[in-house]
Amino acid sequence: MSDSPPPAGDALTGLTQGAAPKPRLIAIANQKGGVGKTTTAINLGTALAAAGQRVLVVDLDPQGNASTGLALDPGDRTDGTYELLFGAPERCRVRPTAVPGLGVLPAGVHLSGAEVELVGMLRREYCLHDHIGPIAAGFDYGLIDCPPSLGLLTLNALVAAHAVLVPLQCEFYALEGLSHLMRTIERVRKVLNQGLELHGVVLTMYDKRNNLSDMVADDVRAYFGDKVYRTVIPRNVRVSEAPSHGKPVLLYDFKCAGAQAYVHLASEILKRERRPAA
């Protein structure tokens, strides 16, 4: 790996040429909405790219918020994840972003009907797995931004991924669906993807002034142990403002607490990746 982020063009050209190493695919998933999945996908991807990694954000959420947050024009979202799922990877176009080394495969309007269309397909859980290889080649990491549900789109992400990263909001109701997600991950591991692992749980929207945030954090750490990242993402107004400007918070305000938290999270993830298996 180079010590500095590669030019965006280098990461987005020649994707199918040469014997590029297989990228690590990480599904960012939680069936509860509003927990920071898309914010994490965008800003973790930015921080990893700043650390010299080539990163592809795969927008698998029909709402297309990751595409919006990376300033992709609504009229330029065809030939994205919908076409990839339905067997036309040769049509797919990874778009460069303002972040060197960070590309995005967008979610177009047709993705909103994908759940229904997938139901009748053979190998419906494997569509992303079967077609993402040529698109992700040449990248070090693929971050799959999942929709806020445990439907067929999220299932496709879990089957294609090597690992799952779970953003968890530091609020009481956020804990309710976590056990359901863990059971789903375990079922996918047993039946569809034996290599799937829980990479970690990241606590988001943490408010140090709120005792409930500490209670939730303590409960999650007691249950998941070292699978919970040491880094917590604070509730931060600059993080909330950044998407309206089409920028990751690291570009919008690098010095703010939220941006620095994602830098630390990226560092922690890279350290875990280099840790030898037990």
C-alpha atoms as a PDB file:
ATOM      1  CA  MET A   1       0.000   0.000   0.000  1.00  0.00           C
ATOM      2  CA  SER A   2       1.161   3.515  -0.672  1.00  0.00           C
ATOM      3  CA  ASP A   3       1.600   5.899   2.195  1.00  0.00           C
ATOM      4  CA  SER A   4      -0.643   8.514   0.584  1.00  0.00           C
ATOM      5  CA  PRO A   5      -4.131   8.156  -0.903  1.00  0.00           C
ATOM      6  CA  PRO A   6      -3.963   7.199  -4.595  1.00  0.00           C
ATOM      7  CA  PRO A   7      -5.589   9.427  -7.194  1.00  0.00           C
ATOM      8  CA  ALA A   8      -9.272   8.642  -7.626  1.00  0.00           C
ATOM      9  CA  GLY A   9      -8.725   7.824 -11.287  1.00  0.00           C
ATOM     10  CA  ASP A  10      -6.148   5.149 -10.411  1.00  0.00           C
ATOM     11  CA  ALA A  11      -8.592   3.402  -8.119  1.00  0.00           C
ATOM     12  CA  LEU A  12     -11.408   3.504 -10.636  1.00  0.00           C
ATOM     13  CA  THR A  13      -9.666   2.373 -13.808  1.00  0.00           C
ATOM     14  CA  GLY A  14      -8.468  -1.032 -14.901  1.00  0.00           C
ATOM     15  CA  LEU A  15     -10.752  -2.718 -12.387  1.00  0.00           C
ATOM     16  CA  THR A  16     -10.730  -6.086 -14.115  1.00  0.00           C
ATOM     17  CA  GLN A  17      -7.093  -6.131 -15.242  1.00  0.00           C
ATOM     18  CA  GLY A  18      -4.256  -7.916 -13.514  1.00  0.00           C
ATOM     19  CA  ALA A  19      -4.276 -10.169 -10.468  1.00  0.00           C
ATOM     20  CA  ALA A  20      -5.481  -7.628  -7.949  1.00  0.00           C
ATOM     21  CA  PRO A  21      -5.938  -8.973  -4.411  1.00  0.00           C
ATOM     22  CA  LYS A  22      -9.468  -9.770  -3.394  1.00  0.00           C
ATOM     23  CA  PRO A  23     -10.998  -6.830  -1.527  1.00  0.00           C
ATOM     24  CA  ARG A  24     -12.422  -7.124   1.961  1.00  0.00           C
ATOM     25  CA  LEU A  25     -16.187  -6.674   1.778  1.00  0.00           C
ATOM     26  CA  ILE A  26     -17.789  -5.296   4.940  1.00  0.00           C
ATOM     27  CA  ALA A  27     -21.568  -5.004   5.233  1.00  0.00           C
ATOM     28  CA  ILE A  28     -22.672  -2.085   7.379  1.00  0.00           C
ATOM     29  CA  ALA A  29     -25.982  -3.343   8.703  1.00  0.00           C
ATOM     30  CA  ASN A  30     -28.680  -2.782  11.280  1.00  0.00           C
ATOM     31  CA  GLN A  31     -32.370  -3.264  10.601  1.00  0.00           C
ATOM     32  CA  LYS A  32     -33.185  -0.179  12.671  1.00  0.00           C
ATOM     33  CA  GLY A  33     -33.098   3.107  10.786  1.00  0.00           C
ATOM     34  CA  GLY A  34     -31.391   6.251  11.991  1.00  0.00           C
ATOM     35  CA  VAL A  35     -28.468   4.539  13.708  1.00  0.00           C
ATOM     36  CA  GLY A  36     -25.735   5.934  11.465  1.00  0.00           C
ATOM     37  CA  LYS A  37     -25.225   3.244   8.814  1.00  0.00           C
ATOM     38  CA  THR A  38     -24.854   5.609   5.878  1.00  0.00           C
ATOM     39  CA  THR A  39     -22.914   8.184   7.894  1.00  0.00           C
ATOM     40  CA  THR A  40     -20.528   5.412   8.913  1.00  0.00           C
ATOM     41  CA  ALA A  41     -20.184   4.062   5.360  1.00  0.00           C
ATOM     42  CA  ILE A  42     -19.323   7.499   3.962  1.00  0.00           C
ATOM     43  CA  ASN A  43     -17.011   8.698   6.706  1.00  0.00           C
ATOM     44  CA  LEU A  44     -15.308   5.409   7.454  1.00  0.00           C
ATOM     45  CA  GLY A  45     -14.700   5.032   3.724  1.00  0.00           C
ATOM     46  CA  THR A  46     -13.222   8.524   3.621  1.00  0.00           C
ATOM     47  CA  ALA A  47     -10.982   7.869   6.610  1.00  0.00           C
ATOM     48  CA  LEU A  48      -9.768   4.547   5.163  1.00  0.00           C
ATOM     49  CA  ALA A  49      -9.028   6.256   1.842  1.00  0.00           C
ATOM     50  CA  ALA A  50      -7.078   8.963   3.683  1.00  0.00           C
ATOM     51  CA  ALA A  51      -5.033   6.149   5.236  1.00  0.00           C
ATOM     52  CA  GLY A  52      -4.022   4.969   1.759  1.00  0.00           C
ATOM     53  CA  GLN A  53      -6.683   2.321   1.151  1.00  0.00           C
ATOM     54  CA  ARG A  54      -8.706   2.088  -2.049  1.00  0.00           C
ATOM     55  CA  VAL A  55     -12.339   1.990  -0.954  1.00  0.00           C
ATOM     56  CA  LEU A  56     -15.604   1.314  -2.775  1.00  0.00           C
ATOM     57  CA  VAL A  57     -18.895   2.338  -1.155  1.00  0.00           C
ATOM     58  CA  VAL A  58     -21.675   0.089  -2.464  1.00  0.00           C
ATOM     59  CA  ASP A  59     -25.003   1.894  -1.995  1.00  0.00           C
ATOM     60  CA  LEU A  60     -27.497  -0.926  -1.461  1.00  0.00           C
ATOM     61  CA  ASP A  61     -30.145   1.249   0.203  1.00  0.00           C
ATOM     62  CA  PRO A  62     -32.992   2.258  -2.148  1.00  0.00           C
ATOM     63  CA  GLN A  63     -33.070   5.651  -0.416  1.00  0.00           C
ATOM     64  CA  GLY A  64     -29.689   6.347  -2.000  1.00  0.00           C
ATOM     65  CA  ASN A  65     -28.404   8.406   0.906  1.00  0.00           C
ATOM     66  CA  ALA A  66     -24.800   7.290   0.490  1.00  0.00           C
ATOM     67  CA  SER A  67     -24.912   8.438  -3.128  1.00  0.00           C
ATOM     68  CA  THR A  68     -26.357  11.782  -2.031  1.00  0.00           C
ATOM     69  CA  GLY A  69     -23.840  12.178   0.779  1.00  0.00           C
ATOM     70  CA  LEU A  70     -21.014  11.740  -1.735  1.00  0.00           C
ATOM     71  CA  ALA A  71     -22.466  14.468  -3.982  1.00  0.00           C
ATOM     72  CA  LEU A  72     -23.642  12.175  -6.755  1.00  0.00           C
ATOM     73  CA  ASP A  73     -26.213  13.887  -8.959  1.00  0.00           C
ATOM     74  CA  PRO A  74     -29.654  12.174  -8.884  1.00  0.00           C
ATOM     75  CA  GLY A  75     -29.539  11.959 -12.679  1.00  0.00           C
ATOM     76  CA  ASP A  76     -26.268  10.015 -12.576  1.00  0.00           C
ATOM     77  CA  ARG A  77     -27.320   6.967 -10.607  1.00  0.00           C
ATOM     78  CA  THR A  78     -28.147   4.468 -13.322  1.00  0.00           C
ATOM     79  CA  ASP A  79     -25.794   1.572 -13.998  1.00  0.00           C
ATOM     80  CA  GLY A  80     -25.374   1.051 -10.280  1.00  0.00           C
ATOM     81  CA  THR A  81     -26.327  -1.543  -7.697  1.00  0.00           C
ATOM     82  CA  TYR A  82     -29.634  -2.474  -9.343  1.00  0.00           C
ATOM     83  CA  GLU A  83     -27.880  -3.464 -12.559  1.00  0.00           C
ATOM     84  CA  LEU A  84     -25.247  -5.300 -10.535  1.00  0.00           C
ATOM     85  CA  LEU A  85     -27.832  -7.388  -8.674  1.00  0.00           C
ATOM     86  CA  PHE A  86     -29.652  -8.365 -11.840  1.00  0.00           C
ATOM     87  CA  GLY A  87     -26.703  -9.660 -13.761  1.00  0.00           C
ATOM     88  CA  ALA A  88     -25.404  -6.746 -15.803  1.00  0.00           C
ATOM     89  CA  PRO A  89     -22.071  -5.939 -14.114  1.00  0.00           C
ATOM     90  CA  GLU A  90     -20.603  -4.897 -17.463  1.00  0.00           C
ATOM     91  CA  ARG A  91     -22.986  -1.937 -17.397  1.00  0.00           C
ATOM     92  CA  CYS A  92     -22.057  -0.813 -13.888  1.00  0.00           C
ATOM     93  CA  ARG A  93     -19.986   2.327 -13.454  1.00  0.00           C
ATOM     94  CA  VAL A  94     -18.107   3.160 -10.294  1.00  0.00           C
ATOM     95  CA  ARG A  95     -18.170   6.922  -9.837  1.00  0.00           C
ATOM     96  CA  PRO A  96     -15.200   8.818  -8.419  1.00  0.00           C
ATOM     97  CA  THR A  97     -15.756  11.155  -5.500  1.00  0.00           C
ATOM     98  CA  ALA A  98     -14.053  14.258  -4.129  1.00  0.00           C
ATOM     99  CA  VAL A  99     -12.009  11.913  -1.922  1.00  0.00           C
ATOM    100  CA  PRO A 100      -8.938  10.439  -3.670  1.00  0.00           C
ATOM    101  CA  GLY A 101      -9.155   6.642  -3.607  1.00  0.00           C
ATOM    102  CA  LEU A 102     -12.872   6.549  -2.740  1.00  0.00           C
ATOM    103  CA  GLY A 103     -15.445   5.431  -5.306  1.00  0.00           C
ATOM    104  CA  VAL A 104     -19.173   4.808  -5.062  1.00  0.00           C
ATOM    105  CA  LEU A 105     -21.489   2.402  -6.861  1.00  0.00           C
ATOM    106  CA  PRO A 106     -24.777   4.302  -6.637  1.00  0.00           C
ATOM    107  CA  ALA A 107     -28.345   3.305  -5.851  1.00  0.00           C
ATOM    108  CA  GLY A 108     -30.721   4.296  -8.634  1.00  0.00           C
ATOM    109  CA  VAL A 109     -34.487   4.633  -8.611  1.00  0.00           C
ATOM    110  CA  HIS A 110     -35.035   1.055  -9.807  1.00  0.00           C
ATOM    111  CA  LEU A 111     -33.490  -0.363  -6.644  1.00  0.00           C
ATOM    112  CA  SER A 112     -36.715   0.455  -4.787  1.00  0.00           C
ATOM    113  CA  GLY A 113     -38.409  -2.471  -6.564  1.00  0.00           C
ATOM    114  CA  ALA A 114     -35.527  -4.910  -6.202  1.00  0.00           C
ATOM    115  CA  GLU A 115     -36.862  -6.682  -3.107  1.00  0.00           C
ATOM    116  CA  VAL A 116     -39.988  -7.782  -5.015  1.00  0.00           C
ATOM    117  CA  GLU A 117     -38.066  -8.721  -8.159  1.00  0.00           C
ATOM    118  CA  LEU A 118     -35.560 -10.823  -6.226  1.00  0.00           C
ATOM    119  CA  VAL A 119     -38.243 -13.031  -4.687  1.00  0.00           C
ATOM    120  CA  GLY A 120     -38.753 -15.135  -7.799  1.00  0.00           C
ATOM    121  CA  MET A 121     -35.108 -15.464  -8.802  1.00  0.00           C
ATOM    122  CA  LEU A 122     -32.888 -18.511  -8.545  1.00  0.00           C
ATOM    123  CA  ARG A 123     -30.003 -17.966  -6.128  1.00  0.00           C
ATOM    124  CA  ARG A 124     -31.767 -14.812  -5.012  1.00  0.00           C
ATOM    125  CA  GLU A 125     -29.544 -14.509  -1.925  1.00  0.00           C
ATOM    126  CA  TYR A 126     -26.370 -14.752  -4.036  1.00  0.00           C
ATOM    127  CA  CYS A 127     -26.983 -12.043  -6.657  1.00  0.00           C
ATOM    128  CA  LEU A 128     -24.535  -9.559  -5.124  1.00  0.00           C
ATOM    129  CA  HIS A 129     -22.040 -12.310  -4.302  1.00  0.00           C
ATOM    130  CA  ASP A 130     -22.089 -13.625  -7.870  1.00  0.00           C
ATOM    131  CA  HIS A 131     -21.598 -10.290  -9.620  1.00  0.00           C
ATOM    132  CA  ILE A 132     -19.596  -7.940  -7.407  1.00  0.00           C
ATOM    133  CA  GLY A 133     -16.160  -9.437  -8.109  1.00  0.00           C
ATOM    134  CA  PRO A 134     -15.254  -7.519 -11.299  1.00  0.00           C
ATOM    135  CA  ILE A 135     -16.622  -4.252  -9.849  1.00  0.00           C
ATOM    136  CA  ALA A 136     -14.744  -4.474  -6.557  1.00  0.00           C
ATOM    137  CA  ALA A 137     -11.476  -5.688  -8.086  1.00  0.00           C
ATOM    138  CA  GLY A 138      -8.722  -3.151  -7.579  1.00  0.00           C
ATOM    139  CA  PHE A 139     -10.130  -1.911  -4.279  1.00  0.00           C
ATOM    140  CA  ASP A 140      -8.855  -2.842  -0.830  1.00  0.00           C
ATOM    141  CA  TYR A 141     -12.239  -2.478   0.886  1.00  0.00           C
ATOM    142  CA  GLY A 142     -15.851  -2.566  -0.181  1.00  0.00           C
ATOM    143  CA  LEU A 143     -18.263  -1.007   2.310  1.00  0.00           C
ATOM    144  CA  ILE A 144     -21.843  -2.122   1.625  1.00  0.00           C
ATOM    145  CA  ASP A 145     -24.401   0.358   2.942  1.00  0.00           C
ATOM    146  CA  CYS A 146     -27.453  -1.786   3.730  1.00  0.00           C
ATOM    147  CA  PRO A 147     -31.092  -0.679   3.936  1.00  0.00           C
ATOM    148  CA  PRO A 148     -32.795  -0.424   7.362  1.00  0.00           C
ATOM    149  CA  SER A 149     -34.386  -3.874   7.153  1.00  0.00           C
ATOM    150  CA  LEU A 150     -33.457  -7.549   7.124  1.00  0.00           C
ATOM    151  CA  GLY A 151     -34.966  -8.185   3.685  1.00  0.00           C
ATOM    152  CA  LEU A 152     -33.388  -9.660   0.576  1.00  0.00           C
ATOM    153  CA  LEU A 153     -31.125  -6.683  -0.103  1.00  0.00           C
ATOM    154  CA  THR A 154     -29.500  -6.923   3.318  1.00  0.00           C
ATOM    155  CA  LEU A 155     -29.380 -10.705   2.975  1.00  0.00           C
ATOM    156  CA  ASN A 156     -27.505 -10.299  -0.316  1.00  0.00           C
ATOM    157  CA  ALA A 157     -25.009  -8.040   1.449  1.00  0.00           C
ATOM    158  CA  LEU A 158     -24.465 -10.570   4.261  1.00  0.00           C
ATOM    159  CA  VAL A 159     -23.941 -13.416   1.799  1.00  0.00           C
ATOM    160  CA  ALA A 160     -21.430 -11.398  -0.248  1.00  0.00           C
ATOM    161  CA  ALA A 161     -19.534  -9.913   2.712  1.00  0.00           C
ATOM    162  CA  HIS A 162     -16.579 -11.198   4.659  1.00  0.00           C
ATOM    163  CA  ALA A 163     -17.650  -9.332   7.787  1.00  0.00           C
ATOM    164  CA  VAL A 164     -20.414  -7.216   9.305  1.00  0.00           C
ATOM    165  CA  LEU A 165     -20.009  -3.877  11.033  1.00  0.00           C
ATOM    166  CA  VAL A 166     -23.006  -2.912  13.177  1.00  0.00           C
ATOM    167  CA  PRO A 167     -23.600   0.762  14.029  1.00  0.00           C
ATOM    168  CA  LEU A 168     -25.624   0.968  17.248  1.00  0.00           C
ATOM    169  CA  GLN A 169     -27.236   4.171  18.441  1.00  0.00           C
ATOM    170  CA  CYS A 170     -26.760   4.860  22.143  1.00  0.00           C
ATOM    171  CA  GLU A 171     -30.458   4.856  22.919  1.00  0.00           C
ATOM    172  CA  PHE A 172     -32.709   2.321  24.650  1.00  0.00           C
ATOM    173  CA  TYR A 173     -34.768   1.219  21.650  1.00  0.00           C
ATOM    174  CA  ALA A 174     -31.647   0.611  19.589  1.00  0.00           C
ATOM    175  CA  LEU A 175     -30.932  -2.467  21.704  1.00  0.00           C
ATOM    176  CA  GLU A 176     -34.260  -4.117  20.976  1.00  0.00           C
ATOM    177  CA  GLY A 177     -33.483  -5.334  17.474  1.00  0.00           C
ATOM    178  CA  LEU A 178     -29.842  -6.193  18.049  1.00  0.00           C
ATOM    179  CA  SER A 179     -30.498  -9.786  19.117  1.00  0.00           C
ATOM    180  CA  HIS A 180     -32.622 -10.299  15.984  1.00  0.00           C
ATOM    181  CA  LEU A 181     -29.772  -9.045  13.815  1.00  0.00           C
ATOM    182  CA  MET A 182     -27.310 -11.325  15.572  1.00  0.00           C
ATOM    183  CA  ARG A 183     -29.581 -14.333  14.983  1.00  0.00           C
ATOM    184  CA  THR A 184     -29.836 -13.411  11.312  1.00  0.00           C
ATOM    185  CA  ILE A 185     -26.057 -13.153  11.009  1.00  0.00           C
ATOM    186  CA  GLU A 186     -25.681 -16.556  12.676  1.00  0.00           C
ATOM    187  CA  ARG A 187     -28.236 -18.162  10.340  1.00  0.00           C
ATOM    188  CA  VAL A 188     -26.486 -16.683   7.303  1.00  0.00           C
ATOM    189  CA  ARG A 189     -23.170 -18.025   8.604  1.00  0.00           C
ATOM    190  CA  LYS A 190     -24.560 -21.532   9.054  1.00  0.00           C
ATOM    191  CA  VAL A 191     -26.494 -21.811   5.795  1.00  0.00           C
ATOM    192  CA  LEU A 192     -25.265 -19.317   3.203  1.00  0.00           C
ATOM    193  CA  ASN A 193     -21.867 -17.847   4.083  1.00  0.00           C
ATOM    194  CA  GLN A 194     -19.701 -19.820   6.477  1.00  0.00           C
ATOM    195  CA  GLY A 195     -16.940 -17.218   6.356  1.00  0.00           C
ATOM    196  CA  LEU A 196     -19.104 -14.365   7.630  1.00  0.00           C
ATOM    197  CA  GLU A 197     -17.878 -12.803  10.858  1.00  0.00           C
ATOM    198  CA  LEU A 198     -18.923  -9.970  13.117  1.00  0.00           C
ATOM    199  CA  HIS A 199     -16.190  -7.412  12.601  1.00  0.00           C
ATOM    200  CA  GLY A 200     -17.497  -5.212  15.376  1.00  0.00           C
ATOM    201  CA  VAL A 201     -20.140  -2.968  16.873  1.00  0.00           C
ATOM    202  CA  VAL A 202     -19.617   0.786  16.750  1.00  0.00           C
ATOM    203  CA  LEU A 203     -21.525   2.949  19.209  1.00  0.00           C
ATOM    204  CA  THR A 204     -22.960   6.006  17.477  1.00  0.00           C
ATOM    205  CA  MET A 205     -24.666   9.243  18.532  1.00  0.00           C
ATOM    206  CA  TYR A 206     -23.014   8.998  21.923  1.00  0.00           C
ATOM    207  CA  ASP A 207     -23.849  11.890  24.248  1.00  0.00           C
ATOM    208  CA  LYS A 208     -21.547  12.058  27.262  1.00  0.00           C
ATOM    209  CA  ARG A 209     -24.054  14.348  29.020  1.00  0.00           C
ATOM    210  CA  ASN A 210     -26.687  11.603  28.908  1.00  0.00           C
ATOM    211  CA  ASN A 211     -26.479   8.794  31.458  1.00  0.00           C
ATOM    212  CA  LEU A 212     -28.451   6.548  29.113  1.00  0.00           C
ATOM    213  CA  SER A 213     -25.604   6.639  26.595  1.00  0.00           C
ATOM    214  CA  ASP A 214     -23.253   5.243  29.231  1.00  0.00           C
ATOM    215  CA  MET A 215     -25.783   2.604  30.277  1.00  0.00           C
ATOM    216  CA  VAL A 216     -26.271   1.419  26.700  1.00  0.00           C
ATOM    217  CA  ALA A 217     -22.516   1.406  26.083  1.00  0.00           C
ATOM    218  CA  ASP A 218     -21.898  -0.609  29.260  1.00  0.00           C
ATOM    219  CA  ASP A 219     -24.597  -3.157  28.364  1.00  0.00           C
ATOM    220  CA  VAL A 220     -23.285  -3.636  24.837  1.00  0.00           C
ATOM    221  CA  ARG A 221     -19.686  -3.985  25.987  1.00  0.00           C
ATOM    222  CA  ALA A 222     -20.726  -6.485  28.671  1.00  0.00           C
ATOM    223  CA  TYR A 223     -22.425  -8.653  26.040  1.00  0.00           C
ATOM    224  CA  PHE A 224     -20.070  -8.319  23.049  1.00  0.00           C
ATOM    225  CA  GLY A 225     -16.780  -7.753  24.840  1.00  0.00           C
ATOM    226  CA  ASP A 226     -13.910  -6.748  22.567  1.00  0.00           C
ATOM    227  CA  LYS A 227     -16.158  -6.938  19.501  1.00  0.00           C
ATOM    228  CA  VAL A 228     -17.252  -3.418  20.475  1.00  0.00           C
ATOM    229  CA  TYR A 229     -14.829  -0.852  19.086  1.00  0.00           C
ATOM    230  CA  ARG A 230     -13.143   1.361  21.628  1.00  0.00           C
ATOM    231  CA  THR A 231     -13.948   4.339  19.409  1.00  0.00           C
ATOM    232  CA  VAL A 232     -17.399   5.858  19.904  1.00  0.00           C
ATOM    233  CA  ILE A 233     -19.002   8.275  17.467  1.00  0.00           C
ATOM    234  CA  PRO A 234     -20.335  11.310  19.347  1.00  0.00           C
ATOM    235  CA  ARG A 235     -23.547  13.119  18.602  1.00  0.00           C
ATOM    236  CA  ASN A 236     -22.149  16.022  16.613  1.00  0.00           C
ATOM    237  CA  VAL A 237     -23.900  18.757  14.653  1.00  0.00           C
ATOM    238  CA  ARG A 238     -21.140  18.944  12.028  1.00  0.00           C
ATOM    239  CA  VAL A 239     -21.680  15.264  11.193  1.00  0.00           C
ATOM    240  CA  SER A 240     -25.378  16.010  10.677  1.00  0.00           C
ATOM    241  CA  GLU A 241     -24.683  19.060   8.501  1.00  0.00           C
ATOM    242  CA  ALA A 242     -22.120  17.481   6.179  1.00  0.00           C
ATOM    243  CA  PRO A 243     -24.524  15.432   3.957  1.00  0.00           C
ATOM    244  CA  SER A 244     -26.491  18.540   2.993  1.00  0.00           C
ATOM    245  CA  HIS A 245     -23.255  19.859   1.503  1.00  0.00           C
ATOM    246  CA  GLY A 246     -22.541  16.589  -0.319  1.00  0.00           C
ATOM    247  CA  LYS A 247     -19.396  16.044   1.701  1.00  0.00           C
ATOM    248  CA  PRO A 248     -18.084  13.537   4.216  1.00  0.00           C
ATOM    249  CA  VAL A 249     -17.576  15.247   7.550  1.00  0.00           C
ATOM    250  CA  LEU A 250     -13.816  14.774   7.161  1.00  0.00           C
ATOM    251  CA  LEU A 251     -13.949  17.207   4.235  1.00  0.00           C
ATOM    252  CA  TYR A 252     -16.612  19.437   5.750  1.00  0.00           C
ATOM    253  CA  ASP A 253     -14.889  19.976   9.094  1.00  0.00           C
ATOM    254  CA  PHE A 254     -11.884  17.750   9.681  1.00  0.00           C
ATOM    255  CA  LYS A 255     -11.204  19.121  13.165  1.00  0.00           C
ATOM    256  CA  CYS A 256     -14.668  18.470  14.610  1.00  0.00           C
ATOM    257  CA  ALA A 257     -15.190  15.675  17.131  1.00  0.00           C
ATOM    258  CA  GLY A 258     -17.208  13.541  14.714  1.00  0.00           C
ATOM    259  CA  ALA A 259     -14.562  13.642  11.982  1.00  0.00           C
ATOM    260  CA  GLN A 260     -11.807  12.767  14.416  1.00  0.00           C
ATOM    261  CA  ALA A 261     -13.864   9.857  15.759  1.00  0.00           C
ATOM    262  CA  TYR A 262     -14.094   8.330  12.269  1.00  0.00           C
ATOM    263  CA  VAL A 263     -10.349   8.742  11.821  1.00  0.00           C
ATOM    264  CA  HIS A 264      -9.812   6.799  15.044  1.00  0.00           C
ATOM    265  CA  LEU A 265     -12.379   4.173  13.997  1.00  0.00           C
ATOM    266  CA  ALA A 266     -10.573   3.619  10.693  1.00  0.00           C
ATOM    267  CA  SER A 267      -7.283   3.218  12.543  1.00  0.00           C
ATOM    268  CA  GLU A 268      -8.845   0.711  14.923  1.00  0.00           C
ATOM    269  CA  ILE A 269     -10.366  -1.284  12.059  1.00  0.00           C
ATOM    270  CA  LEU A 270      -7.053  -1.439  10.208  1.00  0.00           C
ATOM    271  CA  LYS A 271      -5.340  -2.677  13.361  1.00  0.00           C
ATOM    272  CA  ARG A 272      -7.952  -5.415  13.740  1.00  0.00           C
ATOM    273  CA  GLU A 273      -7.495  -6.383  10.115  1.00  0.00           C
ATOM    274  CA  ARG A 274      -3.769  -6.871  10.633  1.00  0.00           C
ATOM    275  CA  ARG A 275      -4.242  -8.903  13.828  1.00  0.00           C
ATOM    276  CA  PRO A 276      -3.474 -12.584  13.157  1.00  0.00           C
ATOM    277  CA  ALA A 277      -6.359 -15.004  13.615  1.00  0.00           C
ATOM    278  CA  ALA A 278      -6.436 -16.782  16.970  1.00  0.00           C
END
